[in-house]
Protein backbone atom coordinates (compact mmCIF):
# COMPACT_ATOMS: atom_id res chain seq x y z
CA UNK A 1 -35.12 -14.58 3.69
CA UNK A 2 -32.00 -15.41 1.70
CA UNK A 3 -28.47 -15.21 2.68
CA UNK A 4 -25.98 -13.80 0.49
CA UNK A 5 -22.05 -13.53 0.46
CA UNK A 6 -20.43 -10.27 -1.06
CA UNK A 7 -16.85 -10.88 -1.50
CA UNK A 8 -14.85 -7.89 -2.47
CA UNK A 9 -11.02 -7.19 -3.08
CA UNK A 10 -9.72 -3.86 -1.99
CA UNK A 11 -6.48 -2.45 -2.86
CA UNK A 12 -3.60 -3.90 -0.63
CA UNK A 13 -2.19 -0.44 0.76
CA UNK A 14 -5.51 0.64 2.07
CA UNK A 15 -4.96 1.40 5.77
CA UNK A 16 -7.09 -0.31 8.55
CA UNK A 17 -8.98 2.98 9.01
CA UNK A 18 -9.80 2.97 5.07
CA UNK A 19 -10.99 -0.67 5.37
CA UNK A 20 -13.23 0.14 8.06
CA UNK A 21 -14.80 3.11 6.21
CA UNK A 22 -15.31 1.00 3.15
CA UNK A 23 -16.93 -1.71 5.35
CA UNK A 24 -19.20 0.97 7.07
CA UNK A 25 -20.29 2.21 3.60
CA UNK A 26 -21.54 -1.05 2.73
CA UNK A 27 -23.06 -1.90 6.17
CA UNK A 28 -24.95 1.55 5.65
CA UNK A 29 -26.29 0.43 2.50
CA UNK A 30 -27.60 -2.80 4.06
CA UNK A 31 -29.27 -0.82 6.92
CA UNK A 32 -30.87 1.54 4.44
CA UNK A 33 -32.14 -1.24 2.29
CA UNK A 34 -33.61 -3.26 5.39
CA UNK A 35 -30.98 -6.18 5.25
CA UNK A 36 -29.48 -7.86 8.13
CA UNK A 37 -25.57 -7.97 8.36
CA UNK A 38 -24.42 -11.22 9.80
CA UNK A 39 -20.60 -10.95 9.89
CA UNK A 40 -17.49 -10.25 7.93
CA UNK A 41 -14.83 -12.69 6.95
CA UNK A 42 -11.49 -10.98 6.65
CA UNK A 43 -9.27 -13.14 4.45
CA UNK A 44 -6.19 -10.90 4.57
CA UNK A 45 -3.94 -9.79 1.87
CA UNK A 46 -3.57 -12.39 -0.97
CA UNK A 47 -1.81 -12.70 -4.23
CA UNK A 48 -4.18 -12.25 -7.04
CA UNK A 49 -4.57 -14.82 -9.83
CA UNK A 50 -3.76 -11.94 -12.31
CA UNK A 51 -2.79 -8.42 -12.27
CA UNK A 52 -5.64 -5.95 -11.67
CA UNK A 53 -4.96 -2.17 -11.96
CA UNK A 54 -1.14 -2.76 -11.61
CA UNK A 55 -1.81 -4.53 -8.37
CA UNK A 56 -0.34 -8.10 -7.79
CA UNK A 57 -2.11 -8.34 -4.21
CA UNK A 58 -5.46 -7.44 -2.64
CA UNK A 59 -7.16 -7.43 0.56
CA UNK A 60 -10.04 -9.88 0.42
CA UNK A 61 -13.27 -9.43 2.68
CA UNK A 62 -16.41 -11.45 2.73
CA UNK A 63 -19.74 -9.78 3.97
CA UNK A 64 -22.60 -12.15 4.87
CA UNK A 65 -25.96 -10.78 5.07
CA UNK A 66 -29.63 -11.74 4.96
CA UNK A 67 -32.00 -10.03 2.40
CA UNK A 68 -34.80 -10.61 -0.14
CA UNK A 69 -32.59 -9.63 -2.83
CA UNK A 70 -33.42 -6.03 -3.20
CA UNK A 71 -30.10 -4.57 -1.68
CA UNK A 72 -27.71 -6.55 -3.96
CA UNK A 73 -27.93 -4.03 -7.10
CA UNK A 74 -27.25 -1.14 -4.68
CA UNK A 75 -24.37 -2.73 -3.05
CA UNK A 76 -22.77 -3.74 -6.22
CA UNK A 77 -23.21 -0.21 -7.55
CA UNK A 78 -21.46 1.32 -4.44
CA UNK A 79 -18.76 -1.27 -5.18
CA UNK A 80 -18.34 -0.19 -8.89
CA UNK A 81 -18.03 3.47 -7.88
CA UNK A 82 -15.60 2.88 -5.03
CA UNK A 83 -11.95 3.25 -6.74
CA UNK A 84 -10.38 1.24 -3.95
CA UNK A 85 -12.62 -1.84 -4.75
CA UNK A 86 -10.75 -3.82 -7.33
CA UNK A 87 -13.37 -6.79 -7.81
CA UNK A 88 -16.41 -8.00 -6.13
CA UNK A 89 -18.83 -10.82 -6.42
CA UNK A 90 -22.25 -11.46 -4.87
CA UNK A 91 -23.30 -15.07 -4.26
CA UNK A 92 -26.48 -16.53 -3.04
CA UNK A 93 -25.34 -18.65 -0.10
CA UNK A 94 -28.73 -20.10 1.13
CA UNK A 95 -31.96 -19.75 -0.89
CA UNK A 96 -34.17 -19.94 2.09
CA UNK A 97 -33.07 -19.18 5.75
CA UNK A 98 -35.74 -20.99 7.82
CA UNK A 99 -34.78 -19.75 11.35
CA UNK A 100 -33.47 -16.23 10.96
CA UNK A 101 -32.97 -15.46 14.73
CA UNK A 102 -30.82 -18.82 14.96
CA UNK A 103 -28.81 -17.90 11.97
CA UNK A 104 -28.14 -14.32 13.67
CA UNK A 105 -27.18 -15.83 16.78
CA UNK A 106 -24.72 -18.32 14.91
CA UNK A 107 -23.24 -15.61 13.12
CA UNK A 108 -22.83 -13.48 16.24
CA UNK A 109 -20.92 -16.52 17.85
CA UNK A 110 -18.84 -16.91 14.67
CA UNK A 111 -17.87 -13.38 14.85
CA UNK A 112 -16.88 -13.74 18.56
CA UNK A 113 -14.84 -16.73 17.66
CA UNK A 114 -13.17 -14.76 14.91
CA UNK A 115 -12.34 -11.94 17.22
CA UNK A 116 -10.77 -14.21 19.72
CA UNK A 117 -8.72 -16.00 17.25
CA UNK A 118 -7.45 -12.65 15.93
CA UNK A 119 -6.52 -11.26 19.30
CA UNK A 120 -4.55 -14.78 19.84
CA UNK A 121 -2.89 -14.51 16.58
CA UNK A 122 -1.74 -10.99 17.37
CA UNK A 123 -0.54 -11.90 20.79
CA UNK A 124 1.34 -15.04 19.19
CA UNK A 125 2.86 -12.72 16.47
CA UNK A 126 3.92 -10.18 19.22
CA UNK A 127 5.57 -13.07 21.27
CA UNK A 128 7.53 -14.34 18.21
CA UNK A 129 8.78 -10.84 17.46
CA UNK A 130 9.84 -10.40 20.99
CA UNK A 131 11.75 -13.70 20.50
CA UNK A 132 13.29 -12.82 17.45
CA UNK A 133 14.33 -9.36 18.74
CA UNK A 134 15.90 -11.04 21.84
CA UNK A 135 17.57 -13.63 19.75
CA UNK A 136 19.07 -10.86 17.44
CA UNK A 137 20.21 -8.95 20.38
CA UNK A 138 21.94 -12.02 21.99
CA UNK A 139 23.70 -12.78 18.48
CA UNK A 140 24.79 -9.13 18.32
CA UNK A 141 26.22 -9.30 21.89
CA UNK A 142 28.10 -12.70 21.12
CA UNK A 143 29.66 -11.04 17.89
CA UNK A 144 30.80 -7.98 19.88
CA UNK A 145 32.23 -10.29 22.52
CA UNK A 146 33.98 -12.33 19.84
CA UNK A 147 35.24 -8.92 18.26
CA UNK A 148 36.40 -7.74 21.46
CA UNK A 149 38.40 -11.05 22.13
CA UNK A 150 39.65 -10.94 18.86
CA UNK A 151 41.13 -7.42 19.40
CA UNK A 152 42.41 -8.36 22.92
CA UNK A 153 44.19 -11.37 21.59
CA UNK A 154 45.89 -9.22 18.82
CA UNK A 155 47.17 -6.67 21.26
CA UNK A 156 48.71 -9.43 23.47
CA UNK A 157 50.86 -10.86 20.85
CA UNK A 158 54.53 -9.62 20.98
CA UNK A 159 57.26 -9.49 18.30
CA UNK A 160 58.68 -12.43 19.83
CA UNK A 161 55.63 -14.46 19.47
CA UNK A 162 55.13 -13.52 15.78
CA UNK A 163 58.49 -15.14 15.16
CA UNK A 164 57.51 -18.48 16.62
CA UNK A 165 56.65 -20.01 13.23
CA UNK A 166 60.16 -19.65 11.70
CA UNK A 167 63.01 -21.84 12.30
CA UNK A 168 65.60 -20.67 14.57
CA UNK A 169 68.37 -22.29 12.64
CA UNK A 170 67.31 -20.75 9.34
CA UNK A 171 66.82 -16.95 9.68
CA UNK A 172 66.46 -14.91 6.25
CA UNK A 173 69.92 -13.65 6.63
CA UNK A 174 71.50 -17.31 6.88
CA UNK A 175 69.42 -18.57 3.97
CA UNK A 176 70.67 -15.86 1.99
CA UNK A 177 74.27 -16.37 2.75
CA UNK A 178 73.96 -20.18 2.18
CA UNK A 179 72.66 -19.33 -1.31
CA UNK A 180 75.74 -17.16 -2.18
CA UNK A 181 78.00 -19.77 -1.00
CA UNK A 182 76.26 -22.40 -3.45
CA UNK A 183 76.40 -19.82 -6.29
CA UNK A 184 80.30 -19.22 -5.77
CA UNK A 185 80.82 -22.90 -5.46
CA UNK A 186 79.30 -23.62 -8.76
C-alpha cells in the first residue's frame, strides 16, 4: 500500500459548505476505488505565487490517503472537471506503508489534534474580538465624555471670562483714540 498526498487549491470565495461538498466528492471517489482516506490538512487561504483565473488568493487543502495508485487518475480527472478547483498536485508520500493499521491510527490522532487546535484557535479569536470590541466601546465612551465636558466648559464661559485675555488699560476704543492723537501731533 502506498501513501499519497493530493494537494488542491480552490477558489477563495467558496463557502465552508461548498468546500465540504468538494471534499466529500473526493472522498466518494476514494471510497469507490477502494482507497483509504487518512486525513485532510487545511492550510487556509493564502496568496498565490501568480494569478490563476483572475484569483490572487486560494484556499489550500491536502488530502492524505492510502492506495495502490489506481484511484489517482480518477481523482485528478474529478479535479480537472471541477470549476472551483484552481490547481492540484498528487505526490507519492511513502512508497511502501508497512503497518497500515498503525498509519490509520496515527492519522486519526493527527486529525483529532488538528480539530482541537482549530477549536482553540476559534475560541482565542472570539476572545480577541470581544476584547477589541470592549476596547472600542471604552474608547467611544471616553470620547463621548470628553465631548460632553468640552460642551459643558463652553457653556460655562461668560462674556466677562472671554475678555480676560485683554489688557484692562488698553481697550480697543482707547487704542484708537491714542492712534488719532499721534497722527494729529505729527
